C-alpha cells in the first residue's frame, strides 16, 4: 500500500482563521462604505417639521405662568393636560380649500400642530389652572400648592 501524503490546508480554505482582527475591521469598513454608496442613490424622504413655538415659563411666587406662541391655532383646537408637576400642551389646526374653474380643480391643504410637555419644579393645583388664548399667544396660569417667596434682586455692577 502506498503511504498517504498529509494534505496541507491552504489559507484560502479557512480565511477567518488566518485573518487578523485588522483585516476583519477593514472588511467591515469597506462593507459600510459600499452600503453608504448604494443608499445614497435613493431619494431622500423628509418628514414635515413641526413649527417651533416660543415658550416662556415664569415663576411668580404664588403661581407659574406659561406663555406659548401658537399662531394659527384656535382655542377649541388646544388640549391642555395638567398633573401636579407637569403641563402638556398640544394643538392642531387643519385647513382645506377647494376652487373649481373651467377645466381644472385646485385643492390645497395645510396643517399646523404643536406639542410641548413642561415639567414643573413645584406641585400645582390642577383644578385651578386657567388658560387664555389671545392673538396667537396662549397664557396659562398654574397656582402652586405651596407658594414660594420671591427672592429680592440685588443689582451688581459689571467692571
N, C-alpha and C. Protein backbone atom coordinates (compact mmCIF):
# COMPACT_ATOMS: atom_id res chain seq x y z
N UNK A 1 0.83 -1.17 0.00
CA UNK A 1 0.00 0.00 0.00
C UNK A 1 0.87 1.22 0.00
N UNK A 2 0.35 2.21 -0.68
CA UNK A 2 1.08 3.46 -0.76
C UNK A 2 0.74 4.30 0.47
N UNK A 3 1.74 4.96 0.96
CA UNK A 3 1.53 5.83 2.14
C UNK A 3 0.80 7.08 1.71
N UNK A 4 -0.15 7.47 2.54
CA UNK A 4 -0.92 8.67 2.23
C UNK A 4 -0.09 9.89 2.59
N UNK A 5 -0.11 10.83 1.67
CA UNK A 5 0.61 12.07 1.93
C UNK A 5 -0.30 12.96 2.77
N UNK A 6 0.25 13.66 3.75
CA UNK A 6 -0.59 14.59 4.53
C UNK A 6 -1.05 15.73 3.63
N UNK A 7 -2.33 16.09 3.78
CA UNK A 7 -2.92 17.15 2.97
C UNK A 7 -2.71 18.47 3.69
N UNK A 8 -2.12 19.41 2.96
CA UNK A 8 -1.90 20.74 3.54
C UNK A 8 -3.14 21.58 3.29
N UNK A 9 -3.53 22.31 4.32
CA UNK A 9 -4.69 23.21 4.16
C UNK A 9 -4.18 24.54 3.63
N UNK A 10 -4.83 24.99 2.58
CA UNK A 10 -4.41 26.28 2.03
C UNK A 10 -5.11 27.39 2.80
N UNK A 11 -4.49 28.58 2.84
CA UNK A 11 -5.10 29.69 3.55
C UNK A 11 -6.45 30.09 2.95
N UNK A 12 -6.67 29.81 1.67
CA UNK A 12 -7.93 30.19 1.04
C UNK A 12 -9.08 29.35 1.59
N UNK A 13 -8.78 28.18 2.12
CA UNK A 13 -9.81 27.30 2.63
C UNK A 13 -10.42 27.82 3.93
N UNK A 14 -9.65 28.47 4.75
CA UNK A 14 -10.15 28.97 6.04
C UNK A 14 -9.65 30.40 6.27
N UNK A 15 -10.24 31.39 5.56
CA UNK A 15 -9.75 32.76 5.66
C UNK A 15 -9.94 33.35 7.05
N UNK A 16 -10.98 32.95 7.75
CA UNK A 16 -11.23 33.54 9.06
C UNK A 16 -10.14 33.20 10.06
N UNK A 17 -9.69 31.97 9.99
CA UNK A 17 -8.69 31.53 10.96
C UNK A 17 -7.33 32.18 10.71
N UNK A 18 -7.05 32.53 9.48
CA UNK A 18 -5.74 33.11 9.20
C UNK A 18 -5.78 34.63 9.17
N UNK A 19 -6.96 35.23 9.21
CA UNK A 19 -7.07 36.68 9.14
C UNK A 19 -6.84 37.28 10.52
N UNK A 20 -6.36 38.47 10.49
CA UNK A 20 -6.18 39.18 11.76
C UNK A 20 -7.40 40.06 11.99
N UNK A 21 -7.54 40.59 13.18
CA UNK A 21 -8.67 41.48 13.50
C UNK A 21 -8.63 42.73 12.64
N UNK A 22 -7.44 43.16 12.27
CA UNK A 22 -7.30 44.35 11.43
C UNK A 22 -7.92 44.11 10.06
N UNK A 23 -7.74 42.92 9.51
CA UNK A 23 -8.34 42.57 8.22
C UNK A 23 -9.87 42.55 8.32
N UNK A 24 -10.38 42.01 9.41
CA UNK A 24 -11.84 41.96 9.61
C UNK A 24 -12.38 43.37 9.73
N UNK A 25 -11.69 44.22 10.47
CA UNK A 25 -12.11 45.61 10.64
C UNK A 25 -12.13 46.34 9.30
N UNK A 26 -11.12 46.10 8.47
CA UNK A 26 -11.08 46.72 7.14
C UNK A 26 -12.24 46.23 6.28
N UNK A 27 -12.53 44.95 6.36
CA UNK A 27 -13.63 44.37 5.58
C UNK A 27 -14.97 44.99 5.98
N UNK A 28 -15.19 45.15 7.26
CA UNK A 28 -16.44 45.75 7.74
C UNK A 28 -16.52 47.20 7.31
N UNK A 29 -15.40 47.91 7.39
CA UNK A 29 -15.37 49.31 6.98
C UNK A 29 -15.67 49.44 5.49
N UNK A 30 -15.10 48.56 4.67
CA UNK A 30 -15.38 48.57 3.23
C UNK A 30 -16.85 48.26 2.95
N UNK A 31 -17.43 47.31 3.69
CA UNK A 31 -18.84 46.98 3.53
C UNK A 31 -19.71 48.19 3.87
N UNK A 32 -19.37 48.89 4.95
CA UNK A 32 -20.12 50.08 5.35
C UNK A 32 -20.07 51.15 4.26
N UNK A 33 -18.88 51.37 3.69
CA UNK A 33 -18.73 52.36 2.62
C UNK A 33 -19.55 51.99 1.40
N UNK A 34 -19.54 50.72 1.03
CA UNK A 34 -20.32 50.26 -0.12
C UNK A 34 -21.82 50.42 0.12
N UNK A 35 -22.26 50.16 1.34
CA UNK A 35 -23.68 50.32 1.67
C UNK A 35 -24.07 51.80 1.62
N UNK A 36 -23.19 52.68 2.11
CA UNK A 36 -23.47 54.12 2.06
C UNK A 36 -23.59 54.59 0.61
N UNK A 37 -22.71 54.08 -0.27
CA UNK A 37 -22.79 54.43 -1.69
C UNK A 37 -24.12 53.98 -2.28
N UNK A 38 -24.51 52.75 -1.96
CA UNK A 38 -25.74 52.19 -2.51
C UNK A 38 -26.97 52.97 -2.05
N UNK A 39 -27.03 53.31 -0.76
CA UNK A 39 -28.20 54.00 -0.23
C UNK A 39 -28.21 55.49 -0.57
N UNK A 40 -27.07 56.06 -0.93
CA UNK A 40 -27.04 57.49 -1.26
C UNK A 40 -27.77 57.78 -2.57
N UNK A 41 -27.97 56.77 -3.39
CA UNK A 41 -28.69 56.98 -4.64
C UNK A 41 -30.20 56.98 -4.45
N UNK A 42 -30.69 56.54 -3.28
CA UNK A 42 -32.12 56.55 -3.02
C UNK A 42 -32.59 57.98 -2.82
N UNK A 43 -33.82 58.28 -3.23
CA UNK A 43 -34.34 59.64 -2.98
C UNK A 43 -34.53 59.85 -1.48
N UNK A 44 -34.22 61.05 -1.03
CA UNK A 44 -34.35 61.32 0.40
C UNK A 44 -35.80 61.64 0.73
N UNK A 45 -36.21 61.20 1.89
CA UNK A 45 -37.56 61.46 2.37
C UNK A 45 -37.43 62.37 3.58
N UNK A 46 -38.08 63.52 3.51
CA UNK A 46 -38.02 64.42 4.66
C UNK A 46 -39.38 64.47 5.31
N UNK A 47 -39.38 64.39 6.61
CA UNK A 47 -40.61 64.45 7.38
C UNK A 47 -41.00 65.91 7.55
N UNK A 48 -42.31 66.21 7.53
CA UNK A 48 -42.70 67.59 7.77
C UNK A 48 -42.31 68.00 9.18
N UNK A 49 -41.82 69.21 9.30
CA UNK A 49 -41.36 69.68 10.60
C UNK A 49 -42.48 70.44 11.31
N UNK A 50 -42.54 70.22 12.61
CA UNK A 50 -43.49 70.97 13.40
C UNK A 50 -42.92 72.37 13.60
N UNK A 51 -43.77 73.38 13.55
CA UNK A 51 -43.25 74.73 13.76
C UNK A 51 -42.70 74.88 15.17
N UNK A 52 -41.62 75.62 15.28
CA UNK A 52 -41.05 75.88 16.59
C UNK A 52 -41.90 76.94 17.27
N UNK A 53 -42.25 76.71 18.50
CA UNK A 53 -43.05 77.68 19.22
C UNK A 53 -42.22 78.22 20.38
N UNK A 54 -42.33 79.50 20.56
CA UNK A 54 -41.64 80.14 21.67
C UNK A 54 -42.45 79.88 22.94
N UNK A 55 -41.77 79.52 24.01
CA UNK A 55 -42.46 79.18 25.25
C UNK A 55 -41.68 79.77 26.42
N UNK A 56 -42.36 80.54 27.27
CA UNK A 56 -41.75 81.12 28.46
C UNK A 56 -42.43 80.53 29.69
N UNK A 57 -41.64 80.12 30.68
CA UNK A 57 -42.17 79.66 31.95
C UNK A 57 -41.65 80.62 33.01
N UNK A 58 -42.58 81.25 33.74
CA UNK A 58 -42.22 82.27 34.71
C UNK A 58 -42.70 81.83 36.10
N UNK A 59 -41.81 81.94 37.09
CA UNK A 59 -42.18 81.64 38.47
C UNK A 59 -42.55 82.96 39.13
N UNK A 60 -43.85 83.13 39.44
CA UNK A 60 -44.32 84.37 40.04
C UNK A 60 -44.54 84.24 41.55
N UNK A 61 -43.95 83.23 42.18
CA UNK A 61 -44.09 83.05 43.62
C UNK A 61 -45.30 82.21 43.97
N UNK A 62 -46.50 82.75 43.81
CA UNK A 62 -47.73 82.04 44.14
C UNK A 62 -48.17 81.12 43.01
N UNK A 63 -47.65 81.37 41.81
CA UNK A 63 -48.08 80.60 40.64
C UNK A 63 -46.99 80.56 39.58
N UNK A 64 -47.14 79.60 38.68
CA UNK A 64 -46.31 79.57 37.47
C UNK A 64 -47.14 80.21 36.37
N UNK A 65 -46.46 80.83 35.44
CA UNK A 65 -47.14 81.41 34.29
C UNK A 65 -46.42 80.90 33.04
N UNK A 66 -47.17 80.38 32.11
CA UNK A 66 -46.60 79.87 30.86
C UNK A 66 -47.20 80.69 29.73
N UNK A 67 -46.31 81.21 28.89
CA UNK A 67 -46.74 81.93 27.69
C UNK A 67 -46.14 81.20 26.50
N UNK A 68 -47.00 80.77 25.58
CA UNK A 68 -46.53 79.99 24.45
C UNK A 68 -47.16 80.54 23.17
N UNK A 69 -46.34 80.76 22.17
CA UNK A 69 -46.83 81.22 20.86
C UNK A 69 -47.40 80.03 20.11
N UNK A 70 -48.67 80.15 19.70
CA UNK A 70 -49.33 79.11 18.92
C UNK A 70 -50.10 79.74 17.77
N UNK A 71 -49.40 80.43 16.85
CA UNK A 71 -50.10 81.10 15.76
C UNK A 71 -50.84 80.10 14.86
N UNK A 72 -52.02 80.50 14.44
CA UNK A 72 -52.81 79.67 13.54
C UNK A 72 -53.71 78.67 14.23
N UNK A 73 -53.64 78.59 15.55
CA UNK A 73 -54.45 77.63 16.30
C UNK A 73 -55.61 78.36 16.97
N UNK A 74 -56.80 77.75 16.92
CA UNK A 74 -57.96 78.32 17.59
C UNK A 74 -58.10 77.68 18.96
N UNK A 75 -58.82 78.36 19.87
CA UNK A 75 -58.89 77.88 21.25
C UNK A 75 -59.54 76.50 21.37
N UNK A 76 -60.47 76.17 20.48
CA UNK A 76 -61.11 74.86 20.55
C UNK A 76 -60.20 73.74 19.99
N UNK A 77 -59.05 74.11 19.43
CA UNK A 77 -58.10 73.12 18.88
C UNK A 77 -56.93 72.86 19.83
N UNK A 78 -56.98 73.45 21.02
CA UNK A 78 -55.90 73.30 22.00
C UNK A 78 -56.33 72.33 23.09
N UNK A 79 -55.42 71.44 23.46
CA UNK A 79 -55.67 70.50 24.55
C UNK A 79 -54.60 70.73 25.62
N UNK A 80 -55.04 70.88 26.86
CA UNK A 80 -54.12 71.04 27.99
C UNK A 80 -54.37 69.89 28.96
N UNK A 81 -53.29 69.24 29.37
CA UNK A 81 -53.36 68.20 30.39
C UNK A 81 -52.40 68.62 31.50
N UNK A 82 -52.92 68.67 32.72
CA UNK A 82 -52.12 69.12 33.85
C UNK A 82 -52.09 68.03 34.91
N UNK A 83 -50.89 67.74 35.39
CA UNK A 83 -50.74 66.90 36.58
C UNK A 83 -50.20 67.82 37.66
N UNK A 84 -49.91 67.27 38.82
CA UNK A 84 -49.43 68.15 39.89
C UNK A 84 -48.03 68.71 39.64
N UNK A 85 -47.27 68.10 38.71
CA UNK A 85 -45.93 68.62 38.46
C UNK A 85 -45.54 68.68 36.98
N UNK A 86 -46.53 68.68 36.07
CA UNK A 86 -46.21 68.85 34.66
C UNK A 86 -47.40 69.42 33.89
N UNK A 87 -47.08 69.98 32.73
CA UNK A 87 -48.09 70.56 31.85
C UNK A 87 -47.84 70.05 30.44
N UNK A 88 -48.88 69.54 29.81
CA UNK A 88 -48.79 69.05 28.44
C UNK A 88 -49.70 69.92 27.58
N UNK A 89 -49.10 70.52 26.54
CA UNK A 89 -49.83 71.41 25.64
C UNK A 89 -49.78 70.82 24.24
N UNK A 90 -50.94 70.69 23.61
CA UNK A 90 -50.96 70.24 22.22
C UNK A 90 -52.06 70.99 21.48
N UNK A 91 -51.83 71.19 20.21
CA UNK A 91 -52.80 71.87 19.39
C UNK A 91 -52.61 71.48 17.94
N UNK A 92 -53.72 71.40 17.21
CA UNK A 92 -53.63 71.02 15.81
C UNK A 92 -54.71 71.75 15.02
N UNK A 93 -54.31 72.32 13.90
CA UNK A 93 -55.24 73.03 13.02
C UNK A 93 -55.08 72.49 11.61
N UNK A 94 -56.19 72.09 11.01
CA UNK A 94 -56.18 71.59 9.62
C UNK A 94 -57.09 72.49 8.81
N UNK A 95 -56.67 72.76 7.59
CA UNK A 95 -57.44 73.62 6.70
C UNK A 95 -57.42 73.04 5.30
N UNK A 96 -58.57 73.13 4.64
CA UNK A 96 -58.67 72.62 3.29
C UNK A 96 -59.48 73.60 2.46
N UNK A 97 -58.99 73.92 1.27
CA UNK A 97 -59.75 74.81 0.39
C UNK A 97 -59.85 74.17 -0.98
N UNK A 98 -60.92 74.49 -1.67
CA UNK A 98 -61.15 73.89 -2.97
C UNK A 98 -61.67 74.98 -3.91
N UNK A 99 -61.13 75.01 -5.12
CA UNK A 99 -61.55 76.01 -6.09
C UNK A 99 -61.80 75.31 -7.43
N UNK A 100 -63.01 75.48 -7.94
CA UNK A 100 -63.34 74.85 -9.22
C UNK A 100 -63.46 75.94 -10.28
N UNK A 101 -62.83 75.71 -11.41
CA UNK A 101 -62.95 76.61 -12.56
C UNK A 101 -63.20 75.77 -13.79
N UNK A 102 -63.11 76.37 -14.97
CA UNK A 102 -63.47 75.69 -16.22
C UNK A 102 -62.98 74.25 -16.32
N UNK A 103 -61.69 74.07 -16.53
CA UNK A 103 -61.17 72.74 -16.80
C UNK A 103 -60.23 72.20 -15.74
N UNK A 104 -60.16 72.83 -14.60
CA UNK A 104 -59.23 72.32 -13.60
C UNK A 104 -59.79 72.47 -12.19
N UNK A 105 -59.17 71.76 -11.27
CA UNK A 105 -59.56 71.77 -9.87
C UNK A 105 -58.30 71.98 -9.04
N UNK A 106 -58.32 72.95 -8.18
CA UNK A 106 -57.19 73.20 -7.28
C UNK A 106 -57.65 72.87 -5.87
N UNK A 107 -56.86 72.09 -5.17
CA UNK A 107 -57.21 71.71 -3.81
C UNK A 107 -55.95 71.84 -2.95
N UNK A 108 -56.04 72.65 -1.92
CA UNK A 108 -54.88 72.87 -1.05
C UNK A 108 -55.23 72.49 0.38
N UNK A 109 -54.22 71.94 1.06
CA UNK A 109 -54.38 71.55 2.45
C UNK A 109 -53.22 72.09 3.26
N UNK A 110 -53.49 72.47 4.47
CA UNK A 110 -52.41 72.87 5.37
C UNK A 110 -52.71 72.33 6.76
N UNK A 111 -51.64 72.10 7.49
CA UNK A 111 -51.79 71.56 8.84
C UNK A 111 -50.72 72.16 9.73
N UNK A 112 -51.13 72.61 10.89
CA UNK A 112 -50.20 73.14 11.89
C UNK A 112 -50.43 72.35 13.16
N UNK A 113 -49.36 71.92 13.79
CA UNK A 113 -49.52 71.23 15.08
C UNK A 113 -48.38 71.61 16.02
N UNK A 114 -48.72 71.65 17.29
CA UNK A 114 -47.78 71.99 18.35
C UNK A 114 -47.88 70.95 19.45
N UNK A 115 -46.75 70.69 20.11
CA UNK A 115 -46.76 69.77 21.24
C UNK A 115 -45.60 70.12 22.16
N UNK A 116 -45.88 70.29 23.41
CA UNK A 116 -44.84 70.54 24.42
C UNK A 116 -45.26 69.88 25.72
N UNK A 117 -44.31 69.31 26.42
CA UNK A 117 -44.50 68.84 27.78
C UNK A 117 -43.52 69.61 28.64
N UNK A 118 -44.04 70.27 29.65
CA UNK A 118 -43.20 71.09 30.52
C UNK A 118 -43.21 70.52 31.94
N UNK A 119 -42.06 70.06 32.43
CA UNK A 119 -42.00 69.64 33.83
C UNK A 119 -41.98 70.88 34.72
N UNK A 120 -42.65 70.80 35.83
CA UNK A 120 -42.70 71.92 36.76
C UNK A 120 -41.89 71.58 38.01
N UNK A 121 -41.17 72.56 38.54
CA UNK A 121 -40.28 72.32 39.67
C UNK A 121 -41.02 72.19 41.00
N UNK A 122 -42.28 72.62 41.02
CA UNK A 122 -43.10 72.52 42.23
C UNK A 122 -44.48 72.04 41.85
N UNK A 123 -45.19 71.48 42.84
CA UNK A 123 -46.54 70.98 42.58
C UNK A 123 -47.52 72.14 42.39
N UNK A 124 -48.52 71.91 41.53
CA UNK A 124 -49.56 72.90 41.27
C UNK A 124 -50.92 72.30 41.57
N UNK A 125 -51.92 73.18 41.71
CA UNK A 125 -53.29 72.75 41.93
C UNK A 125 -53.96 72.66 40.55
N UNK A 126 -54.06 71.45 40.04
CA UNK A 126 -54.55 71.24 38.67
C UNK A 126 -55.96 71.76 38.46
N UNK A 127 -56.80 71.69 39.48
CA UNK A 127 -58.19 72.12 39.33
C UNK A 127 -58.34 73.64 39.21
N UNK A 128 -57.30 74.41 39.53
CA UNK A 128 -57.38 75.87 39.48
C UNK A 128 -56.58 76.48 38.33
N UNK A 129 -56.12 75.65 37.42
CA UNK A 129 -55.34 76.14 36.28
C UNK A 129 -56.27 76.88 35.32
N UNK A 130 -55.83 78.02 34.81
CA UNK A 130 -56.60 78.81 33.86
C UNK A 130 -55.77 79.06 32.62
N UNK A 131 -56.44 79.12 31.47
CA UNK A 131 -55.74 79.37 30.21
C UNK A 131 -56.55 80.33 29.36
N UNK A 132 -55.83 81.19 28.63
CA UNK A 132 -56.46 82.18 27.76
C UNK A 132 -55.64 82.28 26.49
N UNK A 133 -56.34 82.34 25.34
CA UNK A 133 -55.68 82.49 24.05
C UNK A 133 -56.02 83.87 23.51
N UNK A 134 -54.97 84.64 23.21
CA UNK A 134 -55.18 85.98 22.68
C UNK A 134 -54.10 86.30 21.66
N UNK A 135 -54.51 86.61 20.44
CA UNK A 135 -53.60 86.99 19.36
C UNK A 135 -52.48 85.98 19.13
N UNK A 136 -52.82 84.70 19.17
CA UNK A 136 -51.84 83.66 18.90
C UNK A 136 -50.91 83.33 20.06
N UNK A 137 -51.18 83.91 21.25
CA UNK A 137 -50.36 83.63 22.43
C UNK A 137 -51.24 82.96 23.48
N UNK A 138 -50.83 81.76 23.90
CA UNK A 138 -51.54 81.02 24.92
C UNK A 138 -50.93 81.39 26.27
N UNK A 139 -51.75 81.89 27.18
CA UNK A 139 -51.31 82.34 28.51
C UNK A 139 -51.94 81.42 29.55
N UNK A 140 -51.12 80.66 30.26
CA UNK A 140 -51.60 79.67 31.23
C UNK A 140 -51.13 80.06 32.62
N UNK A 141 -52.04 80.06 33.58
CA UNK A 141 -51.72 80.35 34.97
C UNK A 141 -51.90 79.08 35.77
N UNK A 142 -50.85 78.67 36.50
CA UNK A 142 -50.86 77.43 37.27
C UNK A 142 -50.58 77.76 38.74
N UNK A 143 -51.62 77.85 39.60
CA UNK A 143 -51.39 78.15 41.01
C UNK A 143 -50.60 77.03 41.70
N UNK A 144 -49.64 77.42 42.53
CA UNK A 144 -48.82 76.43 43.24
C UNK A 144 -49.56 75.89 44.46
N UNK A 145 -49.23 74.64 44.82
CA UNK A 145 -49.79 74.05 46.03
C UNK A 145 -49.27 74.76 47.27
N UNK A 146 -47.97 75.04 47.27
CA UNK A 146 -47.34 75.76 48.37
C UNK A 146 -46.58 76.93 47.76
N UNK A 147 -47.13 78.14 47.86
CA UNK A 147 -46.44 79.31 47.29
C UNK A 147 -45.05 79.49 47.87
N UNK A 148 -44.13 79.94 47.04
CA UNK A 148 -42.78 80.21 47.50
C UNK A 148 -42.55 81.71 47.49
N UNK A 149 -41.66 82.13 48.36
CA UNK A 149 -41.33 83.56 48.42
C UNK A 149 -40.49 83.92 47.20
N UNK A 150 -40.80 85.07 46.64
CA UNK A 150 -39.97 85.55 45.55
C UNK A 150 -38.73 86.20 46.14
N UNK A 151 -37.60 85.88 45.58
CA UNK A 151 -36.36 86.42 46.11
C UNK A 151 -36.15 87.84 45.64
N UNK A 152 -35.62 88.64 46.55
CA UNK A 152 -35.33 90.04 46.18
C UNK A 152 -34.09 90.05 45.32
N UNK A 153 -34.11 90.93 44.32
CA UNK A 153 -32.99 91.05 43.41
C UNK A 153 -32.06 92.14 43.89
N UNK A 154 -30.78 91.91 43.71
CA UNK A 154 -29.79 92.91 44.05
C UNK A 154 -29.00 93.20 42.80
N UNK A 155 -28.85 94.48 42.52
CA UNK A 155 -28.11 94.89 41.33
C UNK A 155 -26.62 94.79 41.59
N UNK A 156 -25.90 94.25 40.63
CA UNK A 156 -24.44 94.12 40.73
C UNK A 156 -23.85 94.84 39.53
N UNK A 157 -22.90 95.72 39.80
CA UNK A 157 -22.27 96.45 38.70
C UNK A 157 -21.17 95.61 38.06
N UNK A 158 -21.08 95.70 36.75
CA UNK A 158 -20.07 94.98 35.99
C UNK A 158 -18.88 95.89 35.78
N UNK A 159 -17.70 95.41 36.08
CA UNK A 159 -16.49 96.24 35.96
C UNK A 159 -15.71 95.87 34.73
